[in-house]
PDB file of N, CA and C in Angstrom:
ATOM      1  N   MET A   1       0.211   0.796 -14.386  1.00  0.00           N
ATOM      2  CA  MET A   1      -0.637   0.980 -13.225  1.00  0.00           C
ATOM      3  C   MET A   1      -0.762   2.480 -12.963  1.00  0.00           C
ATOM      4  N   CYS A   2      -1.964   2.913 -12.718  1.00  0.00           N
ATOM      5  CA  CYS A   2      -2.254   4.339 -12.529  1.00  0.00           C
ATOM      6  C   CYS A   2      -2.163   4.794 -11.076  1.00  0.00           C
ATOM      7  N   VAL A   3      -2.345   3.880 -10.146  1.00  0.00           N
ATOM      8  CA  VAL A   3      -2.352   4.244  -8.734  1.00  0.00           C
ATOM      9  C   VAL A   3      -1.096   3.683  -8.063  1.00  0.00           C
ATOM     10  N   LEU A   4      -0.542   4.445  -7.127  1.00  0.00           N
ATOM     11  CA  LEU A   4       0.630   4.003  -6.376  1.00  0.00           C
ATOM     12  C   LEU A   4       0.255   3.813  -4.918  1.00  0.00           C
ATOM     13  N   ILE A   5       0.934   2.904  -4.263  1.00  0.00           N
ATOM     14  CA  ILE A   5       0.728   2.656  -2.843  1.00  0.00           C
ATOM     15  C   ILE A   5       1.958   3.166  -2.109  1.00  0.00           C
ATOM     16  N   ARG A   6       1.735   3.967  -1.097  1.00  0.00           N
ATOM     17  CA  ARG A   6       2.821   4.479  -0.259  1.00  0.00           C
ATOM     18  C   ARG A   6       2.502   4.132   1.190  1.00  0.00           C
ATOM     19  N   PHE A   7       3.536   3.747   1.911  1.00  0.00           N
ATOM     20  CA  PHE A   7       3.370   3.437   3.324  1.00  0.00           C
ATOM     21  C   PHE A   7       3.733   4.679   4.127  1.00  0.00           C
ATOM     22  N   ALA A   8       2.766   5.163   4.894  1.00  0.00           N
ATOM     23  CA  ALA A   8       2.900   6.393   5.670  1.00  0.00           C
ATOM     24  C   ALA A   8       3.179   6.047   7.132  1.00  0.00           C
ATOM     25  N   PRO A   9       3.501   7.053   7.967  1.00  0.00           N
ATOM     26  CA  PRO A   9       3.677   6.787   9.393  1.00  0.00           C
ATOM     27  C   PRO A   9       2.429   6.116   9.991  1.00  0.00           C
ATOM     28  N   PRO A  10       2.618   5.328  11.048  1.00  0.00           N
ATOM     29  CA  PRO A  10       1.504   4.552  11.610  1.00  0.00           C
ATOM     30  C   PRO A  10       0.291   5.382  12.048  1.00  0.00           C
ATOM     31  N   ASP A  11       0.482   6.645  12.380  1.00  0.00           N
ATOM     32  CA  ASP A  11      -0.643   7.448  12.863  1.00  0.00           C
ATOM     33  C   ASP A  11      -1.440   8.117  11.735  1.00  0.00           C
ATOM     34  N   VAL A  12      -1.016   7.940  10.477  1.00  0.00           N
ATOM     35  CA  VAL A  12      -1.731   8.521   9.331  1.00  0.00           C
ATOM     36  C   VAL A  12      -2.830   7.554   8.896  1.00  0.00           C
ATOM     37  N   PRO A  13      -4.071   8.034   8.795  1.00  0.00           N
ATOM     38  CA  PRO A  13      -5.160   7.136   8.369  1.00  0.00           C
ATOM     39  C   PRO A  13      -5.030   6.798   6.884  1.00  0.00           C
ATOM     40  N   PRO A  14      -5.608   5.679   6.460  1.00  0.00           N
ATOM     41  CA  PRO A  14      -5.581   5.341   5.040  1.00  0.00           C
ATOM     42  C   PRO A  14      -6.307   6.420   4.238  1.00  0.00           C
ATOM     43  N   THR A  15      -5.653   6.941   3.210  1.00  0.00           N
ATOM     44  CA  THR A  15      -6.237   8.012   2.413  1.00  0.00           C
ATOM     45  C   THR A  15      -5.878   7.849   0.940  1.00  0.00           C
ATOM     46  N   PHE A  16      -6.598   8.584   0.086  1.00  0.00           N
ATOM     47  CA  PHE A  16      -6.301   8.624  -1.337  1.00  0.00           C
ATOM     48  C   PHE A  16      -6.031  10.066  -1.722  1.00  0.00           C
ATOM     49  N   ASP A  17      -4.869  10.311  -2.327  1.00  0.00           N
ATOM     50  CA  ASP A  17      -4.501  11.637  -2.820  1.00  0.00           C
ATOM     51  C   ASP A  17      -4.805  11.651  -4.318  1.00  0.00           C
ATOM     52  N   ALA A  18      -5.892  12.311  -4.705  1.00  0.00           N
ATOM     53  CA  ALA A  18      -6.333  12.304  -6.102  1.00  0.00           C
ATOM     54  C   ALA A  18      -5.362  13.024  -7.027  1.00  0.00           C
ATOM     55  N   ASP A  19      -4.710  14.074  -6.552  1.00  0.00           N
ATOM     56  CA  ASP A  19      -3.782  14.820  -7.404  1.00  0.00           C
ATOM     57  C   ASP A  19      -2.572  13.984  -7.810  1.00  0.00           C
ATOM     58  N   ARG A  20      -2.051  13.201  -6.874  1.00  0.00           N
ATOM     59  CA  ARG A  20      -0.862  12.380  -7.135  1.00  0.00           C
ATOM     60  C   ARG A  20      -1.220  10.932  -7.444  1.00  0.00           C
ATOM     61  N   ARG A  21      -2.498  10.563  -7.283  1.00  0.00           N
ATOM     62  CA  ARG A  21      -2.996   9.192  -7.477  1.00  0.00           C
ATOM     63  C   ARG A  21      -2.234   8.208  -6.585  1.00  0.00           C
ATOM     64  N   VAL A  22      -2.160   8.551  -5.301  1.00  0.00           N
ATOM     65  CA  VAL A  22      -1.433   7.754  -4.318  1.00  0.00           C
ATOM     66  C   VAL A  22      -2.387   7.350  -3.195  1.00  0.00           C
ATOM     67  N   ILE A  23      -2.366   6.065  -2.853  1.00  0.00           N
ATOM     68  CA  ILE A  23      -3.082   5.570  -1.684  1.00  0.00           C
ATOM     69  C   ILE A  23      -2.068   5.440  -0.571  1.00  0.00           C
ATOM     70  N   LYS A  24      -2.328   6.084   0.553  1.00  0.00           N
ATOM     71  CA  LYS A  24      -1.435   6.002   1.707  1.00  0.00           C
ATOM     72  C   LYS A  24      -2.000   5.001   2.701  1.00  0.00           C
ATOM     73  N   ILE A  25      -1.152   4.070   3.107  1.00  0.00           N
ATOM     74  CA  ILE A  25      -1.505   3.024   4.065  1.00  0.00           C
ATOM     75  C   ILE A  25      -0.567   3.162   5.249  1.00  0.00           C
ATOM     76  N   PRO A  26      -1.077   3.059   6.489  1.00  0.00           N
ATOM     77  CA  PRO A  26      -0.186   3.147   7.654  1.00  0.00           C
ATOM     78  C   PRO A  26       0.869   2.043   7.636  1.00  0.00           C
ATOM     79  N   GLN A  27       2.112   2.439   7.864  1.00  0.00           N
ATOM     80  CA  GLN A  27       3.213   1.489   7.918  1.00  0.00           C
ATOM     81  C   GLN A  27       2.989   0.526   9.072  1.00  0.00           C
ATOM     82  N   GLY A  28       3.306  -0.731   8.873  1.00  0.00           N
ATOM     83  CA  GLY A  28       3.127  -1.726   9.911  1.00  0.00           C
ATOM     84  C   GLY A  28       1.787  -2.438   9.834  1.00  0.00           C
ATOM     85  N   THR A  29       0.941  -2.047   8.884  1.00  0.00           N
ATOM     86  CA  THR A  29      -0.338  -2.735   8.700  1.00  0.00           C
ATOM     87  C   THR A  29      -0.056  -4.140   8.182  1.00  0.00           C
ATOM     88  N   ALA A  30      -0.745  -5.119   8.737  1.00  0.00           N
ATOM     89  CA  ALA A  30      -0.562  -6.507   8.309  1.00  0.00           C
ATOM     90  C   ALA A  30      -0.872  -6.630   6.817  1.00  0.00           C
ATOM     91  N   PRO A  31      -0.133  -7.474   6.089  1.00  0.00           N
ATOM     92  CA  PRO A  31      -0.354  -7.598   4.646  1.00  0.00           C
ATOM     93  C   PRO A  31      -1.810  -7.882   4.253  1.00  0.00           C
ATOM     94  N   ALA A  32      -2.488  -8.738   4.992  1.00  0.00           N
ATOM     95  CA  ALA A  32      -3.896  -9.030   4.678  1.00  0.00           C
ATOM     96  C   ALA A  32      -4.762  -7.787   4.842  1.00  0.00           C
ATOM     97  N   HIS A  33      -4.476  -6.981   5.841  1.00  0.00           N
ATOM     98  CA  HIS A  33      -5.235  -5.753   6.054  1.00  0.00           C
ATOM     99  C   HIS A  33      -4.878  -4.698   5.010  1.00  0.00           C
ATOM    100  N   THR A  34      -3.631  -4.700   4.537  1.00  0.00           N
ATOM    101  CA  THR A  34      -3.225  -3.766   3.493  1.00  0.00           C
ATOM    102  C   THR A  34      -4.047  -3.999   2.238  1.00  0.00           C
ATOM    103  N   VAL A  35      -4.177  -5.251   1.833  1.00  0.00           N
ATOM    104  CA  VAL A  35      -4.979  -5.585   0.647  1.00  0.00           C
ATOM    105  C   VAL A  35      -6.426  -5.153   0.857  1.00  0.00           C
ATOM    106  N   THR A  36      -6.957  -5.407   2.035  1.00  0.00           N
ATOM    107  CA  THR A  36      -8.343  -5.024   2.332  1.00  0.00           C
ATOM    108  C   THR A  36      -8.525  -3.522   2.254  1.00  0.00           C
ATOM    109  N   LEU A  37      -7.588  -2.755   2.827  1.00  0.00           N
ATOM    110  CA  LEU A  37      -7.685  -1.297   2.792  1.00  0.00           C
ATOM    111  C   LEU A  37      -7.609  -0.762   1.361  1.00  0.00           C
ATOM    112  N   VAL A  38      -6.672  -1.272   0.583  1.00  0.00           N
ATOM    113  CA  VAL A  38      -6.527  -0.815  -0.804  1.00  0.00           C
ATOM    114  C   VAL A  38      -7.778  -1.153  -1.603  1.00  0.00           C
ATOM    115  N   ARG A  39      -8.282  -2.364  -1.435  1.00  0.00           N
ATOM    116  CA  ARG A  39      -9.508  -2.762  -2.136  1.00  0.00           C
ATOM    117  C   ARG A  39     -10.682  -1.879  -1.728  1.00  0.00           C
ATOM    118  N   ALA A  40     -10.781  -1.561  -0.445  1.00  0.00           N
ATOM    119  CA  ALA A  40     -11.891  -0.725   0.029  1.00  0.00           C
ATOM    120  C   ALA A  40     -11.805   0.683  -0.552  1.00  0.00           C
ATOM    121  N   ILE A  41     -10.603   1.253  -0.572  1.00  0.00           N
ATOM    122  CA  ILE A  41     -10.441   2.602  -1.120  1.00  0.00           C
ATOM    123  C   ILE A  41     -10.757   2.606  -2.613  1.00  0.00           C
ATOM    124  N   LEU A  42     -10.252   1.619  -3.343  1.00  0.00           N
ATOM    125  CA  LEU A  42     -10.535   1.560  -4.778  1.00  0.00           C
ATOM    126  C   LEU A  42     -12.015   1.299  -5.046  1.00  0.00           C
ATOM    127  N   SER A  43     -12.655   0.511  -4.214  1.00  0.00           N
ATOM    128  CA  SER A  43     -14.098   0.279  -4.360  1.00  0.00           C
ATOM    129  C   SER A  43     -14.876   1.568  -4.166  1.00  0.00           C
ATOM    130  N   GLU A  44     -14.442   2.396  -3.203  1.00  0.00           N
ATOM    131  CA  GLU A  44     -15.078   3.703  -2.988  1.00  0.00           C
ATOM    132  C   GLU A  44     -14.912   4.608  -4.207  1.00  0.00           C
ATOM    133  N   LEU A  45     -13.863   4.357  -4.991  1.00  0.00           N
ATOM    134  CA  LEU A  45     -13.621   5.126  -6.211  1.00  0.00           C
ATOM    135  C   LEU A  45     -14.288   4.473  -7.420  1.00  0.00           C
ATOM    136  N   ALA A  46     -15.181   3.529  -7.178  1.00  0.00           N
ATOM    137  CA  ALA A  46     -15.960   2.832  -8.215  1.00  0.00           C
ATOM    138  C   ALA A  46     -15.107   1.937  -9.106  1.00  0.00           C
ATOM    139  N   VAL A  47     -14.047   1.351  -8.537  1.00  0.00           N
ATOM    140  CA  VAL A  47     -13.217   0.401  -9.272  1.00  0.00           C
ATOM    141  C   VAL A  47     -13.646  -0.994  -8.831  1.00  0.00           C
ATOM    142  N   ILE A  48     -14.183  -1.769  -9.749  1.00  0.00           N
ATOM    143  CA  ILE A  48     -14.637  -3.127  -9.433  1.00  0.00           C
ATOM    144  C   ILE A  48     -13.409  -3.993  -9.168  1.00  0.00           C
ATOM    145  N   GLN A  49     -13.418  -4.676  -8.020  1.00  0.00           N
ATOM    146  CA  GLN A  49     -12.282  -5.480  -7.596  1.00  0.00           C
ATOM    147  C   GLN A  49     -12.522  -6.957  -7.882  1.00  0.00           C
ATOM    148  N   PRO A  50     -11.445  -7.693  -8.242  1.00  0.00           N
ATOM    149  CA  PRO A  50     -11.583  -9.129  -8.454  1.00  0.00           C
ATOM    150  C   PRO A  50     -11.742  -9.844  -7.113  1.00  0.00           C
ATOM    151  N   GLU A  51     -11.933 -11.135  -7.188  1.00  0.00           N
ATOM    152  CA  GLU A  51     -12.102 -11.919  -5.967  1.00  0.00           C
ATOM    153  C   GLU A  51     -10.846 -11.897  -5.094  1.00  0.00           C
ATOM    154  N   LEU A  52      -9.678 -11.927  -5.720  1.00  0.00           N
ATOM    155  CA  LEU A  52      -8.409 -11.907  -4.990  1.00  0.00           C
ATOM    156  C   LEU A  52      -7.552 -10.755  -5.477  1.00  0.00           C
ATOM    157  N   GLY A  53      -6.774 -10.156  -4.579  1.00  0.00           N
ATOM    158  CA  GLY A  53      -5.876  -9.070  -4.952  1.00  0.00           C
ATOM    159  C   GLY A  53      -6.613  -7.758  -5.127  1.00  0.00           C
ATOM    160  N   ALA A  54      -5.913  -6.802  -5.713  1.00  0.00           N
ATOM    161  CA  ALA A  54      -6.486  -5.486  -5.962  1.00  0.00           C
ATOM    162  C   ALA A  54      -6.038  -5.021  -7.345  1.00  0.00           C
ATOM    163  N   VAL A  55      -6.953  -4.347  -8.055  1.00  0.00           N
ATOM    164  CA  VAL A  55      -6.617  -3.821  -9.370  1.00  0.00           C
ATOM    165  C   VAL A  55      -6.910  -2.332  -9.434  1.00  0.00           C
ATOM    166  N   CYS A  56      -6.114  -1.650 -10.247  1.00  0.00           N
ATOM    167  CA  CYS A  56      -6.273  -0.225 -10.507  1.00  0.00           C
ATOM    168  C   CYS A  56      -7.435  -0.037 -11.484  1.00  0.00           C
ATOM    169  N   TRP A  57      -7.872   1.202 -11.687  1.00  0.00           N
ATOM    170  CA  TRP A  57      -8.961   1.430 -12.634  1.00  0.00           C
ATOM    171  C   TRP A  57      -8.532   1.172 -14.066  1.00  0.00           C
ATOM    172  N   CYS A  58      -7.221   1.077 -14.341  1.00  0.00           N
ATOM    173  CA  CYS A  58      -6.753   0.729 -15.689  1.00  0.00           C
ATOM    174  C   CYS A  58      -6.752  -0.784 -15.903  1.00  0.00           C
ATOM    175  N   GLY A  59      -6.972  -1.557 -14.824  1.00  0.00           N
ATOM    176  CA  GLY A  59      -7.024  -3.012 -14.919  1.00  0.00           C
ATOM    177  C   GLY A  59      -5.753  -3.709 -14.464  1.00  0.00           C
ATOM    178  N   ALA A  60      -4.682  -2.958 -14.213  1.00  0.00           N
ATOM    179  CA  ALA A  60      -3.413  -3.555 -13.765  1.00  0.00           C
ATOM    180  C   ALA A  60      -3.486  -3.918 -12.290  1.00  0.00           C
ATOM    181  N   GLU A  61      -2.773  -4.985 -11.923  1.00  0.00           N
ATOM    182  CA  GLU A  61      -2.704  -5.369 -10.513  1.00  0.00           C
ATOM    183  C   GLU A  61      -1.949  -4.305  -9.727  1.00  0.00           C
ATOM    184  N   VAL A  62      -2.405  -4.047  -8.510  1.00  0.00           N
ATOM    185  CA  VAL A  62      -1.762  -3.058  -7.643  1.00  0.00           C
ATOM    186  C   VAL A  62      -0.608  -3.741  -6.918  1.00  0.00           C
ATOM    187  N   ASP A  63       0.574  -3.139  -6.999  1.00  0.00           N
ATOM    188  CA  ASP A  63       1.771  -3.672  -6.343  1.00  0.00           C
ATOM    189  C   ASP A  63       1.752  -3.248  -4.877  1.00  0.00           C
ATOM    190  N   LEU A  64       1.645  -4.210  -3.974  1.00  0.00           N
ATOM    191  CA  LEU A  64       1.548  -3.918  -2.545  1.00  0.00           C
ATOM    192  C   LEU A  64       2.822  -4.253  -1.785  1.00  0.00           C
ATOM    193  N   THR A  65       3.930  -4.471  -2.488  1.00  0.00           N
ATOM    194  CA  THR A  65       5.172  -4.804  -1.798  1.00  0.00           C
ATOM    195  C   THR A  65       5.824  -3.547  -1.246  1.00  0.00           C
ATOM    196  N   PRO A  66       6.386  -3.631  -0.043  1.00  0.00           N
ATOM    197  CA  PRO A  66       7.077  -2.475   0.526  1.00  0.00           C
ATOM    198  C   PRO A  66       8.297  -2.106  -0.308  1.00  0.00           C
ATOM    199  N   ARG A  67       8.690  -0.863  -0.269  1.00  0.00           N
ATOM    200  CA  ARG A  67       9.826  -0.370  -1.053  1.00  0.00           C
ATOM    201  C   ARG A  67      11.138  -0.398  -0.267  1.00  0.00           C
ATOM    202  N   ILE A  68      11.166  -1.042   0.883  1.00  0.00           N
ATOM    203  CA  ILE A  68      12.374  -1.115   1.706  1.00  0.00           C
ATOM    204  C   ILE A  68      13.048  -2.456   1.453  1.00  0.00           C
ATOM    205  N   PRO A  69      14.300  -2.475   1.011  1.00  0.00           N
ATOM    206  CA  PRO A  69      14.989  -3.750   0.794  1.00  0.00           C
ATOM    207  C   PRO A  69      15.084  -4.558   2.084  1.00  0.00           C
ATOM    208  N   ASN A  70      15.070  -5.889   1.951  1.00  0.00           N
ATOM    209  CA  ASN A  70      15.108  -6.764   3.120  1.00  0.00           C
ATOM    210  C   ASN A  70      16.306  -6.508   4.018  1.00  0.00           C
ATOM    211  N   GLN A  71      17.498  -6.265   3.450  1.00  0.00           N
ATOM    212  CA  GLN A  71      18.679  -6.087   4.276  1.00  0.00           C
ATOM    213  C   GLN A  71      18.567  -4.859   5.172  1.00  0.00           C
ATOM    214  N   ARG A  72      17.790  -3.865   4.813  1.00  0.00           N
ATOM    215  CA  ARG A  72      17.641  -2.674   5.643  1.00  0.00           C
ATOM    216  C   ARG A  72      16.710  -2.905   6.822  1.00  0.00           C
ATOM    217  N   ARG A  73      15.947  -3.983   6.797  1.00  0.00           N
ATOM    218  CA  ARG A  73      15.043  -4.283   7.893  1.00  0.00           C
ATOM    219  C   ARG A  73      15.617  -5.339   8.838  1.00  0.00           C
ATOM    220  N   SER A  74      16.857  -5.753   8.606  1.00  0.00           N
ATOM    221  CA  SER A  74      17.441  -6.795   9.442  1.00  0.00           C
ATOM    222  C   SER A  74      17.681  -6.270  10.856  1.00  0.00           C
ATOM    223  N   GLU A  75      17.752  -7.160  11.809  1.00  0.00           N
ATOM    224  CA  GLU A  75      17.941  -6.792  13.212  1.00  0.00           C
ATOM    225  C   GLU A  75      19.266  -6.067  13.423  1.00  0.00           C
ATOM    226  N   GLN A  76      20.322  -6.489  12.724  1.00  0.00           N
ATOM    227  CA  GLN A  76      21.625  -5.869  12.887  1.00  0.00           C
ATOM    228  C   GLN A  76      21.611  -4.405  12.450  1.00  0.00           C
ATOM    229  N   VAL A  77      20.971  -4.112  11.327  1.00  0.00           N
ATOM    230  CA  VAL A  77      20.910  -2.737  10.844  1.00  0.00           C
ATOM    231  C   VAL A  77      20.065  -1.883  11.774  1.00  0.00           C
ATOM    232  N   VAL A  78      18.961  -2.430  12.243  1.00  0.00           N
ATOM    233  CA  VAL A  78      18.086  -1.689  13.144  1.00  0.00           C
ATOM    234  C   VAL A  78      18.804  -1.380  14.454  1.00  0.00           C
ATOM    235  N   THR A  79      19.565  -2.333  14.956  1.00  0.00           N
ATOM    236  CA  THR A  79      20.233  -2.157  16.244  1.00  0.00           C
ATOM    237  C   THR A  79      21.506  -1.309  16.141  1.00  0.00           C
ATOM    238  N   HIS A  80      22.307  -1.569  15.109  1.00  0.00           N
ATOM    239  CA  HIS A  80      23.630  -0.951  15.022  1.00  0.00           C
ATOM    240  C   HIS A  80      23.750   0.137  13.962  1.00  0.00           C
ATOM    241  N   GLY A  81      22.744   0.357  13.175  1.00  0.00           N
ATOM    242  CA  GLY A  81      22.796   1.379  12.126  1.00  0.00           C
ATOM    243  C   GLY A  81      23.340   0.818  10.823  1.00  0.00           C
ATOM    244  N   ALA A  82      23.119   1.558   9.757  1.00  0.00           N
ATOM    245  CA  ALA A  82      23.521   1.071   8.430  1.00  0.00           C
ATOM    246  C   ALA A  82      24.993   1.324   8.184  1.00  0.00           C
TER     247      ALA A  82
END
C-alpha cells in the first residue's frame, strides 16, 4: 500500500501530505465517515474507488484501523493511567 492513514487531533481538517503520502483524518471521526473521507480524498487524487472500502492508487486496500491497542483505550487506563 502506497498511502498511509494517520489519525490527527480532532481540530485538524482532513488533509493529504503528498511528500509523506499520508492522509490525516481527525481522531474521533466515526468509522463510516472515516471511509467516506479517505475515499473522497483519494477520488480527488484521481484514484477510482470500488463500491465498498477504499483502495490506494497501487490497488491495495487502505487499512483504516486505528493504531492504538484496545487495552490502552479501556476505561481503567483512561481513568487511572497506564
